[in-house]
Amino acid sequence: MREALKGKAYLATALSQGRVSVEHTFITELAATLSLAADELTRPLIEQETNEWSFYRTSAANREAVWNKAMALARSNKMTLRDTADAIGFDFADLSNAVSGKRPRVLEWHHAERLGARASPPADPRDLLPEAPGR
């Protein structure tokens, strides 16, 4: 998508922040650039995609709290920082920076899912969110 919006920084920013709507011609052009059917960009999200998107938005808005919960889960399962990096698919330096707050990456659903699978008992990714809904 970045490539399709190259040179259109304002539009890319506005779209990513949900500040503008797009017209059908833009969707068609973007879909062609991404080699997708236009329907794929306008269809409703399936439940898994909704869960992942909701997780991402909450995690991005609460990076420190989410990382604190992730590391607490790792420590409670006697995982070192290196074990945790391997479990979630980060390299050690990226995880160190995220945890220290130097360059905090967003913990995404698939990272949380991998970490949760290594926990005993297994943990749901949503357990790492600050306000774990319904839990």
C-alpha atoms as a PDB file:
ATOM      1  CA  MET A   1       0.000   0.000   0.000  1.00  0.00           C
ATOM      2  CA  ARG A   2       2.869   2.353   0.765  1.00  0.00           C
ATOM      3  CA  GLU A   3       4.162   1.891  -2.770  1.00  0.00           C
ATOM      4  CA  ALA A   4       0.721   2.643  -4.204  1.00  0.00           C
ATOM      5  CA  LEU A   5       0.579   5.872  -2.187  1.00  0.00           C
ATOM      6  CA  LYS A   6       4.187   6.879  -2.802  1.00  0.00           C
ATOM      7  CA  GLY A   7       4.490  10.640  -3.177  1.00  0.00           C
ATOM      8  CA  LYS A   8       1.080  11.175  -1.654  1.00  0.00           C
ATOM      9  CA  ALA A   9       2.128  11.558   1.972  1.00  0.00           C
ATOM     10  CA  TYR A  10      -0.874  13.588   3.046  1.00  0.00           C
ATOM     11  CA  LEU A  11      -3.311  11.082   1.535  1.00  0.00           C
ATOM     12  CA  ALA A  12      -1.432   8.117   3.001  1.00  0.00           C
ATOM     13  CA  THR A  13      -1.450   9.696   6.465  1.00  0.00           C
ATOM     14  CA  ALA A  14      -5.088  10.739   6.219  1.00  0.00           C
ATOM     15  CA  LEU A  15      -6.132   7.256   5.098  1.00  0.00           C
ATOM     16  CA  SER A  16      -4.147   5.493   7.808  1.00  0.00           C
ATOM     17  CA  GLN A  17      -5.724   7.738  10.441  1.00  0.00           C
ATOM     18  CA  GLY A  18      -9.215   7.312   9.021  1.00  0.00           C
ATOM     19  CA  ARG A  19      -9.630  11.045   8.338  1.00  0.00           C
ATOM     20  CA  VAL A  20     -10.755  10.744   4.733  1.00  0.00           C
ATOM     21  CA  SER A  21     -12.953   8.445   2.755  1.00  0.00           C
ATOM     22  CA  VAL A  22     -11.983   7.155  -0.644  1.00  0.00           C
ATOM     23  CA  GLU A  23     -13.859   6.953  -3.882  1.00  0.00           C
ATOM     24  CA  HIS A  24     -14.440   3.752  -5.819  1.00  0.00           C
ATOM     25  CA  THR A  25     -11.910   4.716  -8.518  1.00  0.00           C
ATOM     26  CA  PHE A  26      -9.158   4.982  -5.902  1.00  0.00           C
ATOM     27  CA  ILE A  27     -10.081   1.570  -4.475  1.00  0.00           C
ATOM     28  CA  THR A  28     -10.006   0.065  -7.954  1.00  0.00           C
ATOM     29  CA  GLU A  29      -6.595   1.592  -8.707  1.00  0.00           C
ATOM     30  CA  LEU A  30      -5.172   0.553  -5.338  1.00  0.00           C
ATOM     31  CA  ALA A  31      -6.476  -2.989  -5.768  1.00  0.00           C
ATOM     32  CA  ALA A  32      -4.858  -3.199  -9.201  1.00  0.00           C
ATOM     33  CA  THR A  33      -1.551  -1.930  -7.782  1.00  0.00           C
ATOM     34  CA  LEU A  34      -1.713  -4.566  -5.046  1.00  0.00           C
ATOM     35  CA  SER A  35      -2.848  -7.291  -7.498  1.00  0.00           C
ATOM     36  CA  LEU A  36      -6.100  -7.800  -5.595  1.00  0.00           C
ATOM     37  CA  ALA A  37      -9.747  -7.781  -6.535  1.00  0.00           C
ATOM     38  CA  ALA A  38     -11.406  -4.513  -5.491  1.00  0.00           C
ATOM     39  CA  ASP A  39     -13.951  -6.566  -3.504  1.00  0.00           C
ATOM     40  CA  GLU A  40     -11.111  -7.730  -1.256  1.00  0.00           C
ATOM     41  CA  LEU A  41     -10.542  -4.146  -0.089  1.00  0.00           C
ATOM     42  CA  THR A  42     -14.199  -3.395   0.598  1.00  0.00           C
ATOM     43  CA  ARG A  43     -15.506  -6.646   2.061  1.00  0.00           C
ATOM     44  CA  PRO A  44     -16.403  -6.869   5.750  1.00  0.00           C
ATOM     45  CA  LEU A  45     -13.661  -8.252   7.974  1.00  0.00           C
ATOM     46  CA  ILE A  46     -13.958 -11.839   9.136  1.00  0.00           C
ATOM     47  CA  GLU A  47     -13.914 -12.439  12.897  1.00  0.00           C
ATOM     48  CA  GLN A  48     -10.193 -13.262  13.012  1.00  0.00           C
ATOM     49  CA  GLU A  49      -9.322 -10.056  11.128  1.00  0.00           C
ATOM     50  CA  THR A  50     -11.563  -8.039  13.436  1.00  0.00           C
ATOM     51  CA  ASN A  51      -9.800  -9.534  16.474  1.00  0.00           C
ATOM     52  CA  GLU A  52      -6.371  -8.807  15.009  1.00  0.00           C
ATOM     53  CA  TRP A  53      -7.244  -5.234  14.019  1.00  0.00           C
ATOM     54  CA  SER A  54      -8.833  -4.478  17.390  1.00  0.00           C
ATOM     55  CA  PHE A  55      -5.803  -5.938  19.171  1.00  0.00           C
ATOM     56  CA  TYR A  56      -3.415  -3.893  17.031  1.00  0.00           C
ATOM     57  CA  ARG A  57      -5.239  -0.624  17.658  1.00  0.00           C
ATOM     58  CA  THR A  58      -5.342  -1.174  21.424  1.00  0.00           C
ATOM     59  CA  SER A  59      -1.741  -2.385  21.528  1.00  0.00           C
ATOM     60  CA  ALA A  60      -0.505   0.596  19.500  1.00  0.00           C
ATOM     61  CA  ALA A  61      -2.304   3.011  21.807  1.00  0.00           C
ATOM     62  CA  ASN A  62      -0.976   1.297  24.966  1.00  0.00           C
ATOM     63  CA  ARG A  63       2.460   0.001  23.987  1.00  0.00           C
ATOM     64  CA  GLU A  64       4.061   0.216  27.417  1.00  0.00           C
ATOM     65  CA  ALA A  65       1.182  -1.493  29.220  1.00  0.00           C
ATOM     66  CA  VAL A  66       0.983  -4.269  26.623  1.00  0.00           C
ATOM     67  CA  TRP A  67       4.729  -4.896  26.709  1.00  0.00           C
ATOM     68  CA  ASN A  68       4.638  -4.936  30.519  1.00  0.00           C
ATOM     69  CA  LYS A  69       1.925  -7.604  30.458  1.00  0.00           C
ATOM     70  CA  ALA A  70       3.746  -9.590  27.788  1.00  0.00           C
ATOM     71  CA  MET A  71       6.953  -9.591  29.781  1.00  0.00           C
ATOM     72  CA  ALA A  72       5.110 -10.459  32.993  1.00  0.00           C
ATOM     73  CA  LEU A  73       3.606 -13.468  31.197  1.00  0.00           C
ATOM     74  CA  ALA A  74       7.037 -14.466  29.903  1.00  0.00           C
ATOM     75  CA  ARG A  75       8.640 -14.124  33.350  1.00  0.00           C
ATOM     76  CA  SER A  76       5.853 -16.101  35.006  1.00  0.00           C
ATOM     77  CA  ASN A  77       6.696 -18.898  32.574  1.00  0.00           C
ATOM     78  CA  LYS A  78      10.416 -18.623  33.353  1.00  0.00           C
ATOM     79  CA  MET A  79      11.250 -17.320  29.875  1.00  0.00           C
ATOM     80  CA  THR A  80      14.360 -15.210  29.426  1.00  0.00           C
ATOM     81  CA  LEU A  81      14.365 -12.179  27.157  1.00  0.00           C
ATOM     82  CA  ARG A  82      16.037 -14.301  24.484  1.00  0.00           C
ATOM     83  CA  ASP A  83      13.420 -17.066  24.918  1.00  0.00           C
ATOM     84  CA  THR A  84      10.695 -14.459  24.579  1.00  0.00           C
ATOM     85  CA  ALA A  85      12.258 -12.972  21.444  1.00  0.00           C
ATOM     86  CA  ASP A  86      12.451 -16.431  19.884  1.00  0.00           C
ATOM     87  CA  ALA A  87       8.882 -17.226  20.898  1.00  0.00           C
ATOM     88  CA  ILE A  88       7.361 -14.133  19.324  1.00  0.00           C
ATOM     89  CA  GLY A  89       9.655 -13.932  16.295  1.00  0.00           C
ATOM     90  CA  PHE A  90      11.589 -10.771  17.203  1.00  0.00           C
ATOM     91  CA  ASP A  91      15.313 -10.510  17.155  1.00  0.00           C
ATOM     92  CA  PHE A  92      16.830  -9.911  20.567  1.00  0.00           C
ATOM     93  CA  ALA A  93      17.726  -6.243  19.945  1.00  0.00           C
ATOM     94  CA  ASP A  94      14.208  -5.397  18.727  1.00  0.00           C
ATOM     95  CA  LEU A  95      12.653  -6.963  21.801  1.00  0.00           C
ATOM     96  CA  SER A  96      15.134  -5.228  24.121  1.00  0.00           C
ATOM     97  CA  ASN A  97      14.313  -1.871  22.521  1.00  0.00           C
ATOM     98  CA  ALA A  98      10.573  -2.513  22.675  1.00  0.00           C
ATOM     99  CA  VAL A  99      10.673  -3.490  26.339  1.00  0.00           C
ATOM    100  CA  SER A 100      12.936  -0.596  27.332  1.00  0.00           C
ATOM    101  CA  GLY A 101      10.774   1.891  25.446  1.00  0.00           C
ATOM    102  CA  LYS A 102      13.658   3.058  23.228  1.00  0.00           C
ATOM    103  CA  ARG A 103      11.885   2.113  20.017  1.00  0.00           C
ATOM    104  CA  PRO A 104       8.749   0.355  21.129  1.00  0.00           C
ATOM    105  CA  ARG A 105       7.335  -1.725  18.303  1.00  0.00           C
ATOM    106  CA  VAL A 106       3.688  -2.584  18.455  1.00  0.00           C
ATOM    107  CA  LEU A 107       3.035  -6.061  19.789  1.00  0.00           C
ATOM    108  CA  GLU A 108       0.767  -7.546  17.147  1.00  0.00           C
ATOM    109  CA  TRP A 109      -1.780 -10.352  17.446  1.00  0.00           C
ATOM    110  CA  HIS A 110       0.459 -13.025  15.935  1.00  0.00           C
ATOM    111  CA  HIS A 111       3.291 -12.111  18.337  1.00  0.00           C
ATOM    112  CA  ALA A 112       0.941 -12.294  21.320  1.00  0.00           C
ATOM    113  CA  GLU A 113      -0.504 -15.549  20.014  1.00  0.00           C
ATOM    114  CA  ARG A 114       2.959 -17.131  19.829  1.00  0.00           C
ATOM    115  CA  LEU A 115       3.807 -15.955  23.337  1.00  0.00           C
ATOM    116  CA  GLY A 116       0.483 -17.179  24.685  1.00  0.00           C
ATOM    117  CA  ALA A 117       1.029 -20.604  23.117  1.00  0.00           C
ATOM    118  CA  ARG A 118       4.300 -20.955  25.067  1.00  0.00           C
ATOM    119  CA  ALA A 119       2.636 -20.086  28.373  1.00  0.00           C
ATOM    120  CA  SER A 120       1.309 -22.646  30.803  1.00  0.00           C
ATOM    121  CA  PRO A 121      -1.611 -22.607  30.791  1.00  0.00           C
ATOM    122  CA  PRO A 122      -1.857 -21.108  27.292  1.00  0.00           C
ATOM    123  CA  ALA A 123      -2.873 -17.434  27.259  1.00  0.00           C
ATOM    124  CA  ASP A 124      -5.206 -15.652  24.875  1.00  0.00           C
ATOM    125  CA  PRO A 125      -3.597 -12.656  23.093  1.00  0.00           C
ATOM    126  CA  ARG A 126      -6.348 -10.401  24.473  1.00  0.00           C
ATOM    127  CA  ASP A 127      -5.064 -11.149  27.994  1.00  0.00           C
ATOM    128  CA  LEU A 128      -2.135  -8.843  27.214  1.00  0.00           C
ATOM    129  CA  LEU A 129      -4.333  -5.823  26.602  1.00  0.00           C
ATOM    130  CA  PRO A 130      -4.750  -3.256  29.391  1.00  0.00           C
ATOM    131  CA  GLU A 131      -8.491  -3.770  29.582  1.00  0.00           C
ATOM    132  CA  ALA A 132      -8.914  -7.405  28.661  1.00  0.00           C
ATOM    133  CA  PRO A 133     -12.587  -7.371  27.591  1.00  0.00           C
ATOM    134  CA  GLY A 134     -14.767 -10.056  29.068  1.00  0.00           C
ATOM    135  CA  ARG A 135     -11.905 -11.654  30.917  1.00  0.00           C
END
